[in-house]
N, C-alpha and C. Protein backbone atom coordinates (compact mmCIF):
# COMPACT_ATOMS: atom_id res chain seq x y z
N UNK A 1 0.77 -1.43 -0.13
CA UNK A 1 0.06 0.13 -0.02
C UNK A 1 0.93 1.33 -0.09
N UNK A 2 1.74 1.18 0.87
CA UNK A 2 2.85 2.45 0.81
C UNK A 2 3.14 2.73 -0.85
N UNK A 3 3.88 1.52 -1.36
CA UNK A 3 4.43 1.95 -2.68
C UNK A 3 3.22 2.55 -3.71
N UNK A 4 2.16 2.04 -3.60
CA UNK A 4 0.90 2.48 -4.19
C UNK A 4 0.68 4.02 -4.07
N UNK A 5 0.84 4.28 -2.50
CA UNK A 5 0.41 5.86 -1.88
C UNK A 5 1.34 6.84 -2.77
N UNK A 6 2.67 6.39 -2.68
CA UNK A 6 3.83 7.20 -3.12
C UNK A 6 3.80 7.43 -4.47
N UNK A 7 3.60 6.23 -5.52
CA UNK A 7 3.51 6.49 -6.65
C UNK A 7 2.06 7.22 -7.26
N UNK A 8 1.11 7.37 -6.80
CA UNK A 8 -0.03 8.14 -6.58
C UNK A 8 0.34 9.69 -6.28
N UNK A 9 0.83 9.61 -4.95
CA UNK A 9 1.25 11.27 -4.79
C UNK A 9 2.01 11.87 -5.48
N UNK A 10 3.28 11.08 -6.29
CA UNK A 10 4.25 11.52 -6.81
C UNK A 10 3.36 11.95 -8.19
N UNK A 11 2.64 10.93 -8.86
CA UNK A 11 2.02 11.62 -10.28
C UNK A 11 0.97 12.65 -10.43
N UNK A 12 0.00 12.79 -9.12
CA UNK A 12 -1.08 13.59 -8.80
C UNK A 12 -0.20 15.16 -8.36
N UNK A 13 0.69 14.83 -7.75
CA UNK A 13 1.48 16.04 -6.86
C UNK A 13 2.63 16.71 -7.74
N UNK A 14 2.92 15.88 -8.52
CA UNK A 14 4.06 16.43 -9.64
C UNK A 14 5.42 16.39 -8.43
N UNK A 15 5.50 15.31 -7.80
CA UNK A 15 6.70 15.16 -6.91
C UNK A 15 7.48 13.99 -7.55
N UNK A 16 8.64 14.14 -6.94
CA UNK A 16 9.59 12.84 -7.31
C UNK A 16 9.35 11.86 -6.37
N UNK A 17 9.01 10.74 -6.57
CA UNK A 17 8.72 9.66 -6.07
C UNK A 17 9.89 9.32 -4.82
N UNK A 18 11.41 9.57 -5.26
CA UNK A 18 12.28 9.56 -4.32
C UNK A 18 12.34 10.60 -3.06
N UNK A 19 11.43 11.68 -3.42
CA UNK A 19 11.46 12.80 -2.19
C UNK A 19 10.29 12.58 -1.24
N UNK A 20 9.94 11.04 -1.69
CA UNK A 20 8.59 10.95 -0.56
C UNK A 20 9.41 9.69 0.40
N UNK A 21 9.29 9.80 1.46
CA UNK A 21 9.74 9.20 2.37
C UNK A 21 8.86 8.60 3.66
N UNK A 22 8.77 7.33 4.01
CA UNK A 22 7.73 6.74 5.09
C UNK A 22 7.49 7.79 6.19
N UNK A 23 8.18 8.62 6.71
CA UNK A 23 8.31 9.89 7.81
C UNK A 23 8.08 11.14 7.17
N UNK A 24 7.92 11.16 5.78
CA UNK A 24 7.57 12.50 5.11
C UNK A 24 6.14 12.85 5.47
N UNK A 25 5.97 14.08 5.95
CA UNK A 25 4.95 14.85 6.38
C UNK A 25 4.20 15.23 5.34
N UNK A 26 2.79 15.47 5.24
CA UNK A 26 2.22 16.10 4.20
C UNK A 26 2.82 17.37 4.01
N UNK A 27 2.68 18.22 5.03
CA UNK A 27 3.20 19.45 5.09
C UNK A 27 4.82 19.81 4.92
N UNK A 28 5.45 19.11 4.83
CA UNK A 28 6.88 19.11 4.65
C UNK A 28 7.31 19.14 2.96
N UNK A 29 6.00 18.25 2.28
CA UNK A 29 6.07 18.14 1.04
C UNK A 29 5.06 18.99 0.53
N UNK A 30 4.48 20.12 1.00
CA UNK A 30 3.85 20.95 0.53
C UNK A 30 2.52 20.65 -0.03
N UNK A 31 1.82 19.68 0.46
CA UNK A 31 0.61 18.89 0.59
C UNK A 31 -0.46 19.67 1.28
N UNK A 32 -1.35 20.07 0.93
CA UNK A 32 -2.47 20.90 1.66
C UNK A 32 -3.62 19.90 2.00
N UNK A 33 -4.51 20.42 2.90
CA UNK A 33 -5.72 19.57 3.28
C UNK A 33 -6.25 19.35 2.02
N UNK A 34 -6.38 20.08 1.06
CA UNK A 34 -7.34 19.80 -0.13
C UNK A 34 -6.93 18.85 -0.82
N UNK A 35 -5.52 18.65 -1.22
CA UNK A 35 -4.60 17.59 -1.78
C UNK A 35 -5.35 16.01 -1.23
N UNK A 36 -5.03 16.28 0.04
CA UNK A 36 -5.23 14.97 1.03
C UNK A 36 -6.84 14.56 1.07
N UNK A 37 -7.58 15.45 0.76
CA UNK A 37 -8.96 14.91 0.33
C UNK A 37 -9.24 14.21 -0.83
N UNK A 38 -8.36 14.72 -1.68
CA UNK A 38 -8.79 14.36 -3.30
C UNK A 38 -8.00 12.91 -3.03
N UNK A 39 -6.70 12.59 -2.54
CA UNK A 39 -6.22 11.75 -2.57
C UNK A 39 -6.87 10.63 -1.79
N UNK A 40 -7.73 10.91 -0.76
CA UNK A 40 -8.25 10.03 -0.24
C UNK A 40 -9.63 9.47 -0.82
N UNK A 41 -10.41 10.77 -1.43
CA UNK A 41 -11.66 10.17 -2.41
C UNK A 41 -10.81 9.28 -3.45
N UNK A 42 -9.93 9.50 -4.33
CA UNK A 42 -9.62 8.76 -5.25
C UNK A 42 -9.35 7.27 -4.90
N UNK A 43 -8.35 7.17 -3.70
CA UNK A 43 -8.06 6.03 -3.31
C UNK A 43 -9.47 4.94 -2.68
N UNK A 44 -10.32 5.83 -2.17
CA UNK A 44 -11.68 5.43 -1.63
C UNK A 44 -12.53 4.38 -2.86
N UNK A 45 -12.18 5.53 -4.01
CA UNK A 45 -13.11 4.77 -5.25
C UNK A 45 -12.06 3.37 -6.07
N UNK A 46 -10.96 3.63 -6.02
CA UNK A 46 -9.87 2.56 -6.52
C UNK A 46 -10.03 1.24 -5.57
N UNK A 47 -10.20 1.62 -4.48
CA UNK A 47 -9.93 0.44 -3.61
C UNK A 47 -11.39 -0.09 -3.19
N UNK A 48 -12.67 0.41 -3.11
CA UNK A 48 -14.03 0.51 -2.95
C UNK A 48 -13.98 0.27 -1.41
N UNK A 49 -13.46 1.18 -0.60
CA UNK A 49 -13.65 1.20 0.99
C UNK A 49 -13.74 2.56 1.22
N UNK A 50 -14.65 2.99 2.07
CA UNK A 50 -14.66 4.10 3.02
C UNK A 50 -13.74 4.00 4.13
N UNK A 51 -12.80 5.32 3.69
CA UNK A 51 -11.58 5.94 4.75
C UNK A 51 -12.12 7.10 5.40
N UNK A 52 -12.77 6.76 6.56
CA UNK A 52 -13.16 7.96 7.53
C UNK A 52 -11.90 8.26 8.35
N UNK A 53 -11.26 9.14 8.02
CA UNK A 53 -10.48 9.95 8.55
C UNK A 53 -10.64 10.80 9.23
N UNK A 54 -11.80 11.05 10.05
CA UNK A 54 -12.27 12.45 10.60
C UNK A 54 -11.48 12.80 11.95
N UNK A 55 -11.47 11.18 12.74
CA UNK A 55 -11.24 11.40 14.04
C UNK A 55 -9.24 10.93 13.96
N UNK A 56 -9.09 10.78 12.78
CA UNK A 56 -7.33 10.32 12.68
C UNK A 56 -6.32 11.55 12.53
N UNK A 57 -5.37 11.23 13.33
CA UNK A 57 -4.34 11.94 13.35
C UNK A 57 -3.02 11.92 12.52
N UNK A 58 -2.99 11.76 11.31
CA UNK A 58 -2.63 11.45 10.21
C UNK A 58 -1.37 12.27 9.60
N UNK A 59 0.06 12.46 9.60
CA UNK A 59 0.65 13.29 9.47
C UNK A 59 1.93 12.98 8.42
N UNK A 60 1.88 11.66 7.96
CA UNK A 60 3.11 10.88 7.32
C UNK A 60 2.37 9.99 6.37
N UNK A 61 3.51 9.69 5.36
CA UNK A 61 2.77 8.46 4.38
C UNK A 61 2.50 7.18 5.01
N UNK A 62 3.69 7.20 5.63
CA UNK A 62 3.64 5.32 6.69
C UNK A 62 2.32 5.28 7.35
N UNK A 63 2.02 6.39 8.20
CA UNK A 63 0.93 6.49 8.69
C UNK A 63 -0.25 6.02 8.03
N UNK A 64 -0.75 6.87 6.87
CA UNK A 64 -1.51 6.99 6.10
C UNK A 64 -1.77 5.61 5.38
N UNK A 65 -0.70 4.93 4.82
CA UNK A 65 -0.79 3.80 4.24
C UNK A 65 -1.05 2.49 5.50
N UNK A 66 -0.51 2.68 6.58
CA UNK A 66 -1.01 1.79 7.76
C UNK A 66 -2.50 1.80 8.03
N UNK A 67 -3.09 3.25 8.18
CA UNK A 67 -4.22 3.24 8.07
C UNK A 67 -5.31 2.46 7.09
N UNK A 68 -4.85 2.84 5.67
CA UNK A 68 -5.32 2.41 4.70
C UNK A 68 -5.56 0.69 4.61
N UNK A 69 -4.30 0.28 5.33
CA UNK A 69 -4.17 -1.04 5.26
C UNK A 69 -5.18 -1.88 6.23
N UNK A 70 -5.48 -1.15 7.44
CA UNK A 70 -6.11 -1.59 8.51
C UNK A 70 -7.80 -1.53 8.09
N UNK A 71 -8.07 -0.62 7.03
CA UNK A 71 -9.21 -0.67 6.53
C UNK A 71 -9.41 -1.55 5.36
N UNK A 72 -8.81 -2.26 5.14
CA UNK A 72 -8.85 -3.39 3.97
C UNK A 72 -8.73 -4.73 4.48
N UNK A 73 -8.48 -4.69 6.05
CA UNK A 73 -8.46 -5.97 6.38
C UNK A 73 -9.66 -6.23 7.05
C-alpha cells in the first residue's frame, strides 16, 4: 500500500517519488488539506472502501498507508 500511495502522490502532486519517505509529512512536501481530501477520495474509489479519517491524526505517508491497510483487512 505504501508504494501505491507514493506513486499516486508523486504522479498527482508532481513530486519525485524519491522525495517521499515513510516519515515524510504532508506539510513538509507542500501537500495541503485539499490535496489530501482528493487523494483519499480517489483511493476510496479505487479500493472500494470508505476511509473515514475525521478522527485520525495522520501526518505521514507511512501512517496513511498503515491506516488504509487496516481498513482493507
